Amino acid sequence: MLTRAGSVVVFLAVLAFPFFYNLVSTGYSSSATAQPQLKIAKPGKCVEDTAWMRKNHMKMLIHVREKAVREGVRSVDHSFHGCINCHPKREEFCNRCHDYVGVKPECWNCHHYDL
């Protein structure tokens, strides 16, 4: 029969097993997490700084969409079409980041973007 301390050790080992198994089986390395290199057709200042855009661009686009659809307010700078003006090739810009983080944006359900 296990002692109380032995039971705690077995419990923690069982609890930690999936974490360590995934760590070993996926071959984690720091090079595997390198961010994709993006081609920017028109380099310069974006409507917001890069770090902000990486974190919030989807929230911004949803907000702009709601204002355009519900209130009729259309802004070029913070709109989908404003993005396309500086980032015209979807494969070289949008797809690289979205594939990297494993998301499928809903933008392409309504917008045709094969420039």
PDB file of N, CA and C in Angstrom:
ATOM      1  N   MET A   1       0.833  -1.165   0.000  1.00  0.00           N
ATOM      2  CA  MET A   1       0.000   0.000   0.000  1.00  0.00           C
ATOM      3  C   MET A   1       0.889   1.244   0.000  1.00  0.00           C
ATOM      4  N   LEU A   2       0.531   2.256  -0.798  1.00  0.00           N
ATOM      5  CA  LEU A   2       1.319   3.479  -0.895  1.00  0.00           C
ATOM      6  C   LEU A   2       1.080   4.386   0.304  1.00  0.00           C
ATOM      7  N   THR A   3       2.140   5.060   0.656  1.00  0.00           N
ATOM      8  CA  THR A   3       2.003   6.057   1.708  1.00  0.00           C
ATOM      9  C   THR A   3       1.358   7.305   1.125  1.00  0.00           C
ATOM     10  N   ARG A   4       1.035   8.210   1.967  1.00  0.00           N
ATOM     11  CA  ARG A   4       0.418   9.463   1.504  1.00  0.00           C
ATOM     12  C   ARG A   4       1.368  10.205   0.558  1.00  0.00           C
ATOM     13  N   ALA A   5       2.657  10.287   0.901  1.00  0.00           N
ATOM     14  CA  ALA A   5       3.645  10.960   0.045  1.00  0.00           C
ATOM     15  C   ALA A   5       3.797  10.231  -1.285  1.00  0.00           C
ATOM     16  N   GLY A   6       3.784   8.913  -1.237  1.00  0.00           N
ATOM     17  CA  GLY A   6       3.879   8.128  -2.466  1.00  0.00           C
ATOM     18  C   GLY A   6       2.684   8.355  -3.365  1.00  0.00           C
ATOM     19  N   SER A   7       1.509   8.463  -2.774  1.00  0.00           N
ATOM     20  CA  SER A   7       0.297   8.727  -3.551  1.00  0.00           C
ATOM     21  C   SER A   7       0.361  10.087  -4.230  1.00  0.00           C
ATOM     22  N   VAL A   8       0.893  11.070  -3.528  1.00  0.00           N
ATOM     23  CA  VAL A   8       1.022  12.411  -4.104  1.00  0.00           C
ATOM     24  C   VAL A   8       1.992  12.384  -5.280  1.00  0.00           C
ATOM     25  N   VAL A   9       3.102  11.661  -5.136  1.00  0.00           N
ATOM     26  CA  VAL A   9       4.086  11.569  -6.220  1.00  0.00           C
ATOM     27  C   VAL A   9       3.469  10.889  -7.436  1.00  0.00           C
ATOM     28  N   VAL A  10       2.749   9.805  -7.246  1.00  0.00           N
ATOM     29  CA  VAL A  10       2.099   9.104  -8.362  1.00  0.00           C
ATOM     30  C   VAL A  10       1.064  10.020  -9.022  1.00  0.00           C
ATOM     31  N   PHE A  11       0.275  10.729  -8.233  1.00  0.00           N
ATOM     32  CA  PHE A  11      -0.735  11.644  -8.771  1.00  0.00           C
ATOM     33  C   PHE A  11      -0.082  12.727  -9.627  1.00  0.00           C
ATOM     34  N   LEU A  12       0.983  13.336  -9.114  1.00  0.00           N
ATOM     35  CA  LEU A  12       1.668  14.395  -9.874  1.00  0.00           C
ATOM     36  C   LEU A  12       2.310  13.848 -11.140  1.00  0.00           C
ATOM     37  N   ALA A  13       2.840  12.629 -11.084  1.00  0.00           N
ATOM     38  CA  ALA A  13       3.434  12.022 -12.271  1.00  0.00           C
ATOM     39  C   ALA A  13       2.388  11.789 -13.349  1.00  0.00           C
ATOM     40  N   VAL A  14       1.230  11.295 -12.942  1.00  0.00           N
ATOM     41  CA  VAL A  14       0.140  11.064 -13.903  1.00  0.00           C
ATOM     42  C   VAL A  14      -0.359  12.387 -14.458  1.00  0.00           C
ATOM     43  N   LEU A  15      -0.460  13.389 -13.626  1.00  0.00           N
ATOM     44  CA  LEU A  15      -0.922  14.706 -14.051  1.00  0.00           C
ATOM     45  C   LEU A  15       0.052  15.367 -15.022  1.00  0.00           C
ATOM     46  N   ALA A  16       1.351  15.196 -14.811  1.00  0.00           N
ATOM     47  CA  ALA A  16       2.366  15.843 -15.640  1.00  0.00           C
ATOM     48  C   ALA A  16       2.707  15.056 -16.896  1.00  0.00           C
ATOM     49  N   PHE A  17       2.313  13.794 -16.974  1.00  0.00           N
ATOM     50  CA  PHE A  17       2.694  12.954 -18.110  1.00  0.00           C
ATOM     51  C   PHE A  17       2.322  13.549 -19.467  1.00  0.00           C
ATOM     52  N   PRO A  18       1.085  14.011 -19.701  1.00  0.00           N
ATOM     53  CA  PRO A  18       0.754  14.557 -21.029  1.00  0.00           C
ATOM     54  C   PRO A  18       1.644  15.733 -21.433  1.00  0.00           C
ATOM     55  N   PHE A  19       1.957  16.593 -20.487  1.00  0.00           N
ATOM     56  CA  PHE A  19       2.818  17.734 -20.791  1.00  0.00           C
ATOM     57  C   PHE A  19       4.195  17.264 -21.260  1.00  0.00           C
ATOM     58  N   PHE A  20       4.831  16.385 -20.517  1.00  0.00           N
ATOM     59  CA  PHE A  20       6.170  15.921 -20.884  1.00  0.00           C
ATOM     60  C   PHE A  20       6.147  15.057 -22.136  1.00  0.00           C
ATOM     61  N   TYR A  21       5.099  14.283 -22.326  1.00  0.00           N
ATOM     62  CA  TYR A  21       4.977  13.472 -23.532  1.00  0.00           C
ATOM     63  C   TYR A  21       4.917  14.363 -24.772  1.00  0.00           C
ATOM     64  N   ASN A  22       4.093  15.402 -24.737  1.00  0.00           N
ATOM     65  CA  ASN A  22       3.995  16.324 -25.871  1.00  0.00           C
ATOM     66  C   ASN A  22       5.291  17.072 -26.104  1.00  0.00           C
ATOM     67  N   LEU A  23       5.967  17.434 -25.049  1.00  0.00           N
ATOM     68  CA  LEU A  23       7.232  18.144 -25.167  1.00  0.00           C
ATOM     69  C   LEU A  23       8.261  17.290 -25.892  1.00  0.00           C
ATOM     70  N   VAL A  24       8.326  16.018 -25.566  1.00  0.00           N
ATOM     71  CA  VAL A  24       9.300  15.109 -26.174  1.00  0.00           C
ATOM     72  C   VAL A  24       8.860  14.689 -27.571  1.00  0.00           C
ATOM     73  N   SER A  25       7.591  14.374 -27.769  1.00  0.00           N
ATOM     74  CA  SER A  25       7.135  13.835 -29.049  1.00  0.00           C
ATOM     75  C   SER A  25       7.075  14.871 -30.163  1.00  0.00           C
ATOM     76  N   THR A  26       6.909  16.142 -29.843  1.00  0.00           N
ATOM     77  CA  THR A  26       6.833  17.155 -30.891  1.00  0.00           C
ATOM     78  C   THR A  26       8.197  17.690 -31.273  1.00  0.00           C
ATOM     79  N   GLY A  27       9.224  17.335 -30.544  1.00  0.00           N
ATOM     80  CA  GLY A  27      10.567  17.809 -30.872  1.00  0.00           C
ATOM     81  C   GLY A  27      10.676  19.310 -30.754  1.00  0.00           C
ATOM     82  N   TYR A  28      10.143  19.860 -29.713  1.00  0.00           N
ATOM     83  CA  TYR A  28      10.141  21.308 -29.498  1.00  0.00           C
ATOM     84  C   TYR A  28      11.551  21.875 -29.570  1.00  0.00           C
ATOM     85  N   SER A  29      11.685  22.970 -30.304  1.00  0.00           N
ATOM     86  CA  SER A  29      12.944  23.707 -30.329  1.00  0.00           C
ATOM     87  C   SER A  29      12.615  25.169 -30.561  1.00  0.00           C
ATOM     88  N   SER A  30      13.501  26.041 -30.187  1.00  0.00           N
ATOM     89  CA  SER A  30      13.230  27.473 -30.346  1.00  0.00           C
ATOM     90  C   SER A  30      13.154  27.870 -31.810  1.00  0.00           C
ATOM     91  N   SER A  31      13.828  27.153 -32.704  1.00  0.00           N
ATOM     92  CA  SER A  31      13.777  27.496 -34.122  1.00  0.00           C
ATOM     93  C   SER A  31      12.415  27.169 -34.729  1.00  0.00           C
ATOM     94  N   ALA A  32      11.674  26.256 -34.110  1.00  0.00           N
ATOM     95  CA  ALA A  32      10.361  25.887 -34.630  1.00  0.00           C
ATOM     96  C   ALA A  32       9.339  26.996 -34.420  1.00  0.00           C
ATOM     97  N   THR A  33       9.620  27.952 -33.555  1.00  0.00           N
ATOM     98  CA  THR A  33       8.657  28.999 -33.267  1.00  0.00           C
ATOM     99  C   THR A  33       9.009  30.330 -33.921  1.00  0.00           C
ATOM    100  N   ALA A  34       9.956  30.331 -34.831  1.00  0.00           N
ATOM    101  CA  ALA A  34      10.339  31.575 -35.496  1.00  0.00           C
ATOM    102  C   ALA A  34       9.163  32.130 -36.291  1.00  0.00           C
ATOM    103  N   GLN A  35       8.959  33.418 -36.187  1.00  0.00           N
ATOM    104  CA  GLN A  35       7.848  34.049 -36.894  1.00  0.00           C
ATOM    105  C   GLN A  35       8.121  34.064 -38.392  1.00  0.00           C
ATOM    106  N   PRO A  36       7.069  33.965 -39.202  1.00  0.00           N
ATOM    107  CA  PRO A  36       7.247  33.962 -40.651  1.00  0.00           C
ATOM    108  C   PRO A  36       7.750  35.319 -41.145  1.00  0.00           C
ATOM    109  N   GLN A  37       8.543  35.290 -42.189  1.00  0.00           N
ATOM    110  CA  GLN A  37       9.014  36.513 -42.824  1.00  0.00           C
ATOM    111  C   GLN A  37       7.958  36.966 -43.823  1.00  0.00           C
ATOM    112  N   LEU A  38       7.533  38.216 -43.691  1.00  0.00           N
ATOM    113  CA  LEU A  38       6.461  38.732 -44.536  1.00  0.00           C
ATOM    114  C   LEU A  38       7.000  39.701 -45.572  1.00  0.00           C
ATOM    115  N   LYS A  39       6.424  39.640 -46.763  1.00  0.00           N
ATOM    116  CA  LYS A  39       6.772  40.582 -47.815  1.00  0.00           C
ATOM    117  C   LYS A  39       5.755  41.722 -47.770  1.00  0.00           C
ATOM    118  N   ILE A  40       6.252  42.936 -47.619  1.00  0.00           N
ATOM    119  CA  ILE A  40       5.377  44.104 -47.584  1.00  0.00           C
ATOM    120  C   ILE A  40       5.592  44.874 -48.875  1.00  0.00           C
ATOM    121  N   ALA A  41       4.562  44.918 -49.704  1.00  0.00           N
ATOM    122  CA  ALA A  41       4.675  45.528 -51.026  1.00  0.00           C
ATOM    123  C   ALA A  41       4.955  47.024 -50.946  1.00  0.00           C
ATOM    124  N   LYS A  42       4.314  47.718 -50.029  1.00  0.00           N
ATOM    125  CA  LYS A  42       4.507  49.163 -49.871  1.00  0.00           C
ATOM    126  C   LYS A  42       4.978  49.433 -48.446  1.00  0.00           C
ATOM    127  N   PRO A  43       6.284  49.286 -48.203  1.00  0.00           N
ATOM    128  CA  PRO A  43       6.767  49.523 -46.838  1.00  0.00           C
ATOM    129  C   PRO A  43       6.560  50.973 -46.414  1.00  0.00           C
ATOM    130  N   GLY A  44       6.430  51.167 -45.153  1.00  0.00           N
ATOM    131  CA  GLY A  44       6.191  52.491 -44.602  1.00  0.00           C
ATOM    132  C   GLY A  44       5.423  52.350 -43.308  1.00  0.00           C
ATOM    133  N   LYS A  45       4.774  53.412 -42.909  1.00  0.00           N
ATOM    134  CA  LYS A  45       4.028  53.384 -41.653  1.00  0.00           C
ATOM    135  C   LYS A  45       2.636  52.821 -41.878  1.00  0.00           C
ATOM    136  N   CYS A  46       2.289  51.836 -41.056  1.00  0.00           N
ATOM    137  CA  CYS A  46       0.949  51.254 -41.101  1.00  0.00           C
ATOM    138  C   CYS A  46       0.010  52.162 -40.296  1.00  0.00           C
ATOM    139  N   VAL A  47      -1.272  51.856 -40.318  1.00  0.00           N
ATOM    140  CA  VAL A  47      -2.226  52.665 -39.559  1.00  0.00           C
ATOM    141  C   VAL A  47      -1.993  52.539 -38.060  1.00  0.00           C
ATOM    142  N   GLU A  48      -1.365  51.449 -37.623  1.00  0.00           N
ATOM    143  CA  GLU A  48      -0.983  51.225 -36.231  1.00  0.00           C
ATOM    144  C   GLU A  48       0.401  50.565 -36.244  1.00  0.00           C
ATOM    145  N   ASP A  49       1.080  50.540 -35.089  1.00  0.00           N
ATOM    146  CA  ASP A  49       2.407  49.920 -35.070  1.00  0.00           C
ATOM    147  C   ASP A  49       2.291  48.400 -35.204  1.00  0.00           C
ATOM    148  N   THR A  50       3.383  47.749 -35.593  1.00  0.00           N
ATOM    149  CA  THR A  50       3.402  46.328 -35.925  1.00  0.00           C
ATOM    150  C   THR A  50       2.926  45.450 -34.777  1.00  0.00           C
ATOM    151  N   ALA A  51       3.436  45.682 -33.576  1.00  0.00           N
ATOM    152  CA  ALA A  51       3.046  44.850 -32.431  1.00  0.00           C
ATOM    153  C   ALA A  51       1.543  44.951 -32.181  1.00  0.00           C
ATOM    154  N   TRP A  52       1.004  46.150 -32.267  1.00  0.00           N
ATOM    155  CA  TRP A  52      -0.429  46.345 -32.052  1.00  0.00           C
ATOM    156  C   TRP A  52      -1.228  45.600 -33.122  1.00  0.00           C
ATOM    157  N   MET A  53      -0.794  45.707 -34.377  1.00  0.00           N
ATOM    158  CA  MET A  53      -1.508  45.059 -35.473  1.00  0.00           C
ATOM    159  C   MET A  53      -1.481  43.542 -35.331  1.00  0.00           C
ATOM    160  N   ARG A  54      -0.339  42.985 -34.924  1.00  0.00           N
ATOM    161  CA  ARG A  54      -0.265  41.537 -34.741  1.00  0.00           C
ATOM    162  C   ARG A  54      -1.260  41.059 -33.696  1.00  0.00           C
ATOM    163  N   LYS A  55      -1.442  41.844 -32.674  1.00  0.00           N
ATOM    164  CA  LYS A  55      -2.316  41.440 -31.577  1.00  0.00           C
ATOM    165  C   LYS A  55      -3.781  41.772 -31.829  1.00  0.00           C
ATOM    166  N   ASN A  56      -4.069  42.892 -32.489  1.00  0.00           N
ATOM    167  CA  ASN A  56      -5.434  43.416 -32.536  1.00  0.00           C
ATOM    168  C   ASN A  56      -6.073  43.577 -33.911  1.00  0.00           C
ATOM    169  N   HIS A  57      -5.391  43.191 -34.998  1.00  0.00           N
ATOM    170  CA  HIS A  57      -5.956  43.503 -36.314  1.00  0.00           C
ATOM    171  C   HIS A  57      -7.330  42.890 -36.531  1.00  0.00           C
ATOM    172  N   MET A  58      -7.577  41.705 -35.998  1.00  0.00           N
ATOM    173  CA  MET A  58      -8.882  41.092 -36.218  1.00  0.00           C
ATOM    174  C   MET A  58      -9.968  41.844 -35.459  1.00  0.00           C
ATOM    175  N   LYS A  59      -9.676  42.269 -34.238  1.00  0.00           N
ATOM    176  CA  LYS A  59     -10.657  43.055 -33.479  1.00  0.00           C
ATOM    177  C   LYS A  59     -10.954  44.360 -34.215  1.00  0.00           C
ATOM    178  N   MET A  60      -9.908  44.966 -34.771  1.00  0.00           N
ATOM    179  CA  MET A  60     -10.079  46.213 -35.501  1.00  0.00           C
ATOM    180  C   MET A  60     -10.968  45.995 -36.731  1.00  0.00           C
ATOM    181  N   LEU A  61     -10.685  44.930 -37.486  1.00  0.00           N
ATOM    182  CA  LEU A  61     -11.476  44.671 -38.687  1.00  0.00           C
ATOM    183  C   LEU A  61     -12.931  44.354 -38.349  1.00  0.00           C
ATOM    184  N   ILE A  62     -13.161  43.633 -37.275  1.00  0.00           N
ATOM    185  CA  ILE A  62     -14.537  43.335 -36.870  1.00  0.00           C
ATOM    186  C   ILE A  62     -15.249  44.624 -36.470  1.00  0.00           C
ATOM    187  N   HIS A  63     -14.573  45.480 -35.733  1.00  0.00           N
ATOM    188  CA  HIS A  63     -15.164  46.755 -35.321  1.00  0.00           C
ATOM    189  C   HIS A  63     -15.508  47.610 -36.546  1.00  0.00           C
ATOM    190  N   VAL A  64     -14.587  47.697 -37.494  1.00  0.00           N
ATOM    191  CA  VAL A  64     -14.824  48.485 -38.711  1.00  0.00           C
ATOM    192  C   VAL A  64     -15.978  47.881 -39.503  1.00  0.00           C
ATOM    193  N   ARG A  65     -16.023  46.557 -39.572  1.00  0.00           N
ATOM    194  CA  ARG A  65     -17.115  45.889 -40.287  1.00  0.00           C
ATOM    195  C   ARG A  65     -18.466  46.234 -39.664  1.00  0.00           C
ATOM    196  N   GLU A  66     -18.533  46.184 -38.341  1.00  0.00           N
ATOM    197  CA  GLU A  66     -19.792  46.498 -37.653  1.00  0.00           C
ATOM    198  C   GLU A  66     -20.217  47.941 -37.906  1.00  0.00           C
ATOM    199  N   LYS A  67     -19.267  48.873 -37.879  1.00  0.00           N
ATOM    200  CA  LYS A  67     -19.599  50.279 -38.132  1.00  0.00           C
ATOM    201  C   LYS A  67     -20.072  50.470 -39.570  1.00  0.00           C
ATOM    202  N   ALA A  68     -19.431  49.778 -40.519  1.00  0.00           N
ATOM    203  CA  ALA A  68     -19.811  49.924 -41.920  1.00  0.00           C
ATOM    204  C   ALA A  68     -21.186  49.319 -42.192  1.00  0.00           C
ATOM    205  N   VAL A  69     -21.434  48.135 -41.665  1.00  0.00           N
ATOM    206  CA  VAL A  69     -22.684  47.438 -41.940  1.00  0.00           C
ATOM    207  C   VAL A  69     -23.858  48.069 -41.195  1.00  0.00           C
ATOM    208  N   ARG A  70     -23.652  48.402 -39.936  1.00  0.00           N
ATOM    209  CA  ARG A  70     -24.772  48.875 -39.109  1.00  0.00           C
ATOM    210  C   ARG A  70     -24.985  50.374 -39.164  1.00  0.00           C
ATOM    211  N   GLU A  71     -23.891  51.144 -39.330  1.00  0.00           N
ATOM    212  CA  GLU A  71     -24.016  52.597 -39.279  1.00  0.00           C
ATOM    213  C   GLU A  71     -23.692  53.273 -40.614  1.00  0.00           C
ATOM    214  N   GLY A  72     -23.171  52.522 -41.567  1.00  0.00           N
ATOM    215  CA  GLY A  72     -22.817  53.093 -42.857  1.00  0.00           C
ATOM    216  C   GLY A  72     -21.549  53.921 -42.834  1.00  0.00           C
ATOM    217  N   VAL A  73     -20.760  53.821 -41.775  1.00  0.00           N
ATOM    218  CA  VAL A  73     -19.511  54.575 -41.653  1.00  0.00           C
ATOM    219  C   VAL A  73     -18.397  53.746 -42.276  1.00  0.00           C
ATOM    220  N   ARG A  74     -17.787  54.281 -43.320  1.00  0.00           N
ATOM    221  CA  ARG A  74     -16.717  53.549 -44.008  1.00  0.00           C
ATOM    222  C   ARG A  74     -15.431  54.361 -43.966  1.00  0.00           C
ATOM    223  N   SER A  75     -14.394  53.742 -43.422  1.00  0.00           N
ATOM    224  CA  SER A  75     -13.074  54.364 -43.321  1.00  0.00           C
ATOM    225  C   SER A  75     -12.110  53.566 -44.181  1.00  0.00           C
ATOM    226  N   VAL A  76     -11.264  54.249 -44.928  1.00  0.00           N
ATOM    227  CA  VAL A  76     -10.321  53.547 -45.795  1.00  0.00           C
ATOM    228  C   VAL A  76      -9.114  53.039 -45.012  1.00  0.00           C
ATOM    229  N   ASP A  77      -8.579  53.850 -44.096  1.00  0.00           N
ATOM    230  CA  ASP A  77      -7.359  53.477 -43.391  1.00  0.00           C
ATOM    231  C   ASP A  77      -7.484  52.192 -42.581  1.00  0.00           C
ATOM    232  N   HIS A  78      -8.540  52.058 -41.831  1.00  0.00           N
ATOM    233  CA  HIS A  78      -8.703  50.900 -40.966  1.00  0.00           C
ATOM    234  C   HIS A  78      -9.632  49.847 -41.574  1.00  0.00           C
ATOM    235  N   SER A  79      -9.770  49.845 -42.876  1.00  0.00           N
ATOM    236  CA  SER A  79     -10.677  48.900 -43.524  1.00  0.00           C
ATOM    237  C   SER A  79      -9.896  47.771 -44.183  1.00  0.00           C
ATOM    238  N   PHE A  80     -10.623  46.759 -44.594  1.00  0.00           N
ATOM    239  CA  PHE A  80     -10.038  45.633 -45.317  1.00  0.00           C
ATOM    240  C   PHE A  80      -9.361  46.118 -46.599  1.00  0.00           C
ATOM    241  N   HIS A  81      -9.989  47.053 -47.294  1.00  0.00           N
ATOM    242  CA  HIS A  81      -9.417  47.568 -48.536  1.00  0.00           C
ATOM    243  C   HIS A  81      -8.173  48.412 -48.264  1.00  0.00           C
ATOM    244  N   GLY A  82      -8.122  49.062 -47.104  1.00  0.00           N
ATOM    245  CA  GLY A  82      -6.912  49.774 -46.715  1.00  0.00           C
ATOM    246  C   GLY A  82      -5.748  48.818 -46.527  1.00  0.00           C
ATOM    247  N   CYS A  83      -6.033  47.650 -45.986  1.00  0.00           N
ATOM    248  CA  CYS A  83      -4.987  46.625 -45.812  1.00  0.00           C
ATOM    249  C   CYS A  83      -4.449  46.173 -47.166  1.00  0.00           C
ATOM    250  N   ILE A  84      -5.360  45.931 -48.091  1.00  0.00           N
ATOM    251  CA  ILE A  84      -4.974  45.429 -49.413  1.00  0.00           C
ATOM    252  C   ILE A  84      -4.122  46.443 -50.167  1.00  0.00           C
ATOM    253  N   ASN A  85      -4.305  47.727 -49.907  1.00  0.00           N
ATOM    254  CA  ASN A  85      -3.504  48.744 -50.589  1.00  0.00           C
ATOM    255  C   ASN A  85      -2.010  48.544 -50.331  1.00  0.00           C
ATOM    256  N   CYS A  86      -1.642  48.162 -49.110  1.00  0.00           N
ATOM    257  CA  CYS A  86      -0.221  47.980 -48.772  1.00  0.00           C
ATOM    258  C   CYS A  86       0.220  46.522 -48.798  1.00  0.00           C
ATOM    259  N   HIS A  87      -0.716  45.613 -48.663  1.00  0.00           N
ATOM    260  CA  HIS A  87      -0.403  44.181 -48.622  1.00  0.00           C
ATOM    261  C   HIS A  87      -1.220  43.463 -49.692  1.00  0.00           C
ATOM    262  N   PRO A  88      -0.877  43.661 -50.987  1.00  0.00           N
ATOM    263  CA  PRO A  88      -1.741  43.178 -52.058  1.00  0.00           C
ATOM    264  C   PRO A  88      -1.718  41.672 -52.308  1.00  0.00           C
ATOM    265  N   LYS A  89      -0.684  40.952 -51.878  1.00  0.00           N
ATOM    266  CA  LYS A  89      -0.600  39.528 -52.178  1.00  0.00           C
ATOM    267  C   LYS A  89      -0.941  38.702 -50.942  1.00  0.00           C
ATOM    268  N   ARG A  90      -2.106  38.130 -50.963  1.00  0.00           N
ATOM    269  CA  ARG A  90      -2.617  37.367 -49.830  1.00  0.00           C
ATOM    270  C   ARG A  90      -1.680  36.223 -49.436  1.00  0.00           C
ATOM    271  N   GLU A  91      -1.114  35.504 -50.419  1.00  0.00           N
ATOM    272  CA  GLU A  91      -0.240  34.364 -50.127  1.00  0.00           C
ATOM    273  C   GLU A  91       1.028  34.793 -49.402  1.00  0.00           C
ATOM    274  N   GLU A  92       1.525  35.983 -49.723  1.00  0.00           N
ATOM    275  CA  GLU A  92       2.789  36.446 -49.156  1.00  0.00           C
ATOM    276  C   GLU A  92       2.611  37.189 -47.835  1.00  0.00           C
ATOM    277  N   PHE A  93       1.401  37.539 -47.486  1.00  0.00           N
ATOM    278  CA  PHE A  93       1.205  38.300 -46.260  1.00  0.00           C
ATOM    279  C   PHE A  93       0.201  37.615 -45.336  1.00  0.00           C
ATOM    280  N   CYS A  94      -1.049  37.636 -45.684  1.00  0.00           N
ATOM    281  CA  CYS A  94      -2.101  37.096 -44.805  1.00  0.00           C
ATOM    282  C   CYS A  94      -1.909  35.607 -44.528  1.00  0.00           C
ATOM    283  N   ASN A  95      -1.768  34.828 -45.588  1.00  0.00           N
ATOM    284  CA  ASN A  95      -1.710  33.376 -45.427  1.00  0.00           C
ATOM    285  C   ASN A  95      -0.525  32.919 -44.594  1.00  0.00           C
ATOM    286  N   ARG A  96       0.623  33.580 -44.716  1.00  0.00           N
ATOM    287  CA  ARG A  96       1.796  33.147 -43.949  1.00  0.00           C
ATOM    288  C   ARG A  96       1.560  33.226 -42.452  1.00  0.00           C
ATOM    289  N   CYS A  97       1.003  34.318 -41.985  1.00  0.00           N
ATOM    290  CA  CYS A  97       0.742  34.453 -40.545  1.00  0.00           C
ATOM    291  C   CYS A  97      -0.408  33.562 -40.107  1.00  0.00           C
ATOM    292  N   HIS A  98      -1.483  33.539 -40.879  1.00  0.00           N
ATOM    293  CA  HIS A  98      -2.630  32.724 -40.489  1.00  0.00           C
ATOM    294  C   HIS A  98      -2.275  31.247 -40.477  1.00  0.00           C
ATOM    295  N   ASP A  99      -1.460  30.781 -41.419  1.00  0.00           N
ATOM    296  CA  ASP A  99      -1.014  29.389 -41.405  1.00  0.00           C
ATOM    297  C   ASP A  99      -0.110  29.134 -40.206  1.00  0.00           C
ATOM    298  N   TYR A 100       0.749  30.085 -39.889  1.00  0.00           N
ATOM    299  CA  TYR A 100       1.675  29.968 -38.756  1.00  0.00           C
ATOM    300  C   TYR A 100       0.937  29.784 -37.435  1.00  0.00           C
ATOM    301  N   VAL A 101      -0.138  30.539 -37.234  1.00  0.00           N
ATOM    302  CA  VAL A 101      -0.883  30.438 -35.978  1.00  0.00           C
ATOM    303  C   VAL A 101      -2.050  29.454 -36.067  1.00  0.00           C
ATOM    304  N   GLY A 102      -2.291  28.888 -37.247  1.00  0.00           N
ATOM    305  CA  GLY A 102      -3.308  27.856 -37.391  1.00  0.00           C
ATOM    306  C   GLY A 102      -4.741  28.356 -37.342  1.00  0.00           C
ATOM    307  N   VAL A 103      -5.009  29.491 -37.963  1.00  0.00           N
ATOM    308  CA  VAL A 103      -6.379  29.998 -38.001  1.00  0.00           C
ATOM    309  C   VAL A 103      -6.850  30.136 -39.437  1.00  0.00           C
ATOM    310  N   LYS A 104      -8.134  30.028 -39.621  1.00  0.00           N
ATOM    311  CA  LYS A 104      -8.750  30.225 -40.932  1.00  0.00           C
ATOM    312  C   LYS A 104      -9.673  31.432 -40.818  1.00  0.00           C
ATOM    313  N   PRO A 105      -9.237  32.582 -41.343  1.00  0.00           N
ATOM    314  CA  PRO A 105     -10.064  33.783 -41.223  1.00  0.00           C
ATOM    315  C   PRO A 105     -11.343  33.675 -42.044  1.00  0.00           C
ATOM    316  N   GLU A 106     -12.362  34.355 -41.563  1.00  0.00           N
ATOM    317  CA  GLU A 106     -13.653  34.361 -42.248  1.00  0.00           C
ATOM    318  C   GLU A 106     -13.735  35.445 -43.322  1.00  0.00           C
ATOM    319  N   CYS A 107     -12.691  36.251 -43.456  1.00  0.00           N
ATOM    320  CA  CYS A 107     -12.698  37.357 -44.425  1.00  0.00           C
ATOM    321  C   CYS A 107     -13.035  36.865 -45.832  1.00  0.00           C
ATOM    322  N   TRP A 108     -12.458  35.705 -46.175  1.00  0.00           N
ATOM    323  CA  TRP A 108     -12.564  35.230 -47.553  1.00  0.00           C
ATOM    324  C   TRP A 108     -13.925  34.627 -47.852  1.00  0.00           C
ATOM    325  N   ASN A 109     -14.794  34.537 -46.855  1.00  0.00           N
ATOM    326  CA  ASN A 109     -16.161  34.082 -47.122  1.00  0.00           C
ATOM    327  C   ASN A 109     -16.925  35.125 -47.932  1.00  0.00           C
ATOM    328  N   CYS A 110     -16.622  36.401 -47.708  1.00  0.00           N
ATOM    329  CA  CYS A 110     -17.323  37.486 -48.401  1.00  0.00           C
ATOM    330  C   CYS A 110     -16.423  38.249 -49.381  1.00  0.00           C
ATOM    331  N   HIS A 111     -15.142  38.342 -49.077  1.00  0.00           N
ATOM    332  CA  HIS A 111     -14.214  39.139 -49.881  1.00  0.00           C
ATOM    333  C   HIS A 111     -13.413  38.262 -50.811  1.00  0.00           C
ATOM    334  N   HIS A 112     -13.351  38.643 -52.078  1.00  0.00           N
ATOM    335  CA  HIS A 112     -12.541  37.957 -53.050  1.00  0.00           C
ATOM    336  C   HIS A 112     -11.203  38.670 -53.118  1.00  0.00           C
ATOM    337  N   TYR A 113     -10.124  37.998 -52.777  1.00  0.00           N
ATOM    338  CA  TYR A 113      -8.827  38.647 -52.634  1.00  0.00           C
ATOM    339  C   TYR A 113      -7.751  37.779 -53.261  1.00  0.00           C
ATOM    340  N   ASP A 114      -7.659  37.792 -54.583  1.00  0.00           N
ATOM    341  CA  ASP A 114      -6.668  36.991 -55.302  1.00  0.00           C
ATOM    342  C   ASP A 114      -5.762  37.884 -56.126  1.00  0.00           C
ATOM    343  N   LEU A 115      -5.308  38.983 -55.560  1.00  0.00           N
ATOM    344  CA  LEU A 115      -4.457  39.907 -56.303  1.00  0.00           C
ATOM    345  C   LEU A 115      -3.048  39.392 -56.397  1.00  0.00           C
TER     346      LEU A 115
END
